């Protein structure tokens, strides 16, 4: 039985007009305060919510009522926003 021909693969060369620019590679790393602040905000938000639930809505601020949830979750969302800027 005859053997089929083996195809040679061409070497891929990307087009020159689509190559990434050097400005994207020149980004500086994030400052050290950014991840530290994000972790502090996460811990603060979790601690706020835990205190709120364990105290049966009396603490941290009884007058705020359910806005205490907004403070706790808002701190964690703020940390998420900071972490999205982390390089």
Protein backbone atom coordinates (compact mmCIF):
# COMPACT_ATOMS: atom_id res chain seq x y z
CA UNK A 1 0.00 0.00 0.00
CA UNK A 2 1.42 3.41 -0.91
CA UNK A 3 2.34 5.82 1.88
CA UNK A 4 0.59 9.21 1.97
CA UNK A 5 2.59 12.35 1.58
CA UNK A 6 3.67 14.15 4.75
CA UNK A 7 2.70 17.78 4.82
CA UNK A 8 5.18 20.34 6.00
CA UNK A 9 3.79 22.92 8.38
CA UNK A 10 4.61 26.51 7.71
CA UNK A 11 6.19 28.48 10.52
CA UNK A 12 3.80 31.12 11.80
CA UNK A 13 5.01 34.68 11.67
CA UNK A 14 2.63 37.29 13.08
CA UNK A 15 1.87 40.32 10.95
CA UNK A 16 3.90 43.39 11.82
CA UNK A 17 0.89 45.71 12.14
CA UNK A 18 -0.63 43.59 14.96
CA UNK A 19 2.45 43.19 17.16
CA UNK A 20 1.98 44.48 20.71
CA UNK A 21 3.47 47.86 21.37
CA UNK A 22 6.28 48.38 23.83
CA UNK A 23 4.14 50.72 25.98
CA UNK A 24 2.11 47.81 27.38
CA UNK A 25 5.28 46.11 28.59
CA UNK A 26 6.50 49.26 30.36
CA UNK A 27 3.85 49.17 33.11
CA UNK A 28 5.23 49.59 36.59
CA UNK A 29 4.36 47.15 39.37
CA UNK A 30 1.77 48.19 41.92
CA UNK A 31 2.80 50.08 45.04
CA UNK A 32 3.13 48.00 48.20
CA UNK A 33 0.24 49.78 49.94
CA UNK A 34 -2.33 48.53 47.42
CA UNK A 35 -2.53 44.83 48.39
CA UNK A 36 -2.07 45.68 52.07
CA UNK A 37 -4.99 48.11 51.97
CA UNK A 38 -7.13 45.58 50.09
CA UNK A 39 -6.47 42.86 52.68
CA UNK A 40 -7.21 45.29 55.52
CA UNK A 41 -10.52 46.24 53.86
CA UNK A 42 -11.48 42.58 53.44
CA UNK A 43 -10.69 41.78 57.07
CA UNK A 44 -12.50 44.94 58.23
CA UNK A 45 -15.60 44.11 56.19
CA UNK A 46 -15.76 40.53 57.43
CA UNK A 47 -15.18 41.61 61.03
CA UNK A 48 -17.91 44.26 60.75
CA UNK A 49 -20.42 41.71 59.46
CA UNK A 50 -19.47 39.09 62.05
CA UNK A 51 -19.86 41.58 64.91
CA UNK A 52 -23.17 42.75 63.45
CA UNK A 53 -24.60 39.24 63.27
CA UNK A 54 -23.19 37.94 66.55
CA UNK A 55 -24.45 40.94 68.50
CA UNK A 56 -27.93 40.42 67.01
CA UNK A 57 -27.85 43.81 65.22
CA UNK A 58 -26.88 45.84 68.32
CA UNK A 59 -23.29 46.57 67.30
CA UNK A 60 -21.25 48.15 65.59
CA UNK A 61 -23.85 50.96 65.19
CA UNK A 62 -27.36 50.08 66.37
CA UNK A 63 -28.96 53.18 64.83
CA UNK A 64 -27.87 52.26 61.32
CA UNK A 65 -29.88 49.06 61.23
CA UNK A 66 -29.35 47.20 57.99
CA UNK A 67 -26.93 49.85 56.73
CA UNK A 68 -24.33 47.97 58.75
CA UNK A 69 -24.53 45.32 56.03
CA UNK A 70 -23.80 47.98 53.43
CA UNK A 71 -20.71 49.07 55.37
CA UNK A 72 -19.35 45.53 55.63
CA UNK A 73 -20.06 44.55 52.05
CA UNK A 74 -18.99 47.99 50.80
CA UNK A 75 -15.58 47.54 52.38
CA UNK A 76 -15.19 44.17 50.68
CA UNK A 77 -16.32 45.56 47.31
CA UNK A 78 -13.84 48.41 47.74
CA UNK A 79 -11.11 45.83 48.31
CA UNK A 80 -12.18 44.05 45.15
CA UNK A 81 -11.88 47.32 43.26
CA UNK A 82 -8.37 47.83 44.62
CA UNK A 83 -7.34 44.31 43.75
CA UNK A 84 -8.49 44.82 40.17
CA UNK A 85 -5.75 47.49 39.87
CA UNK A 86 -3.05 45.20 41.26
CA UNK A 87 -0.30 44.22 38.79
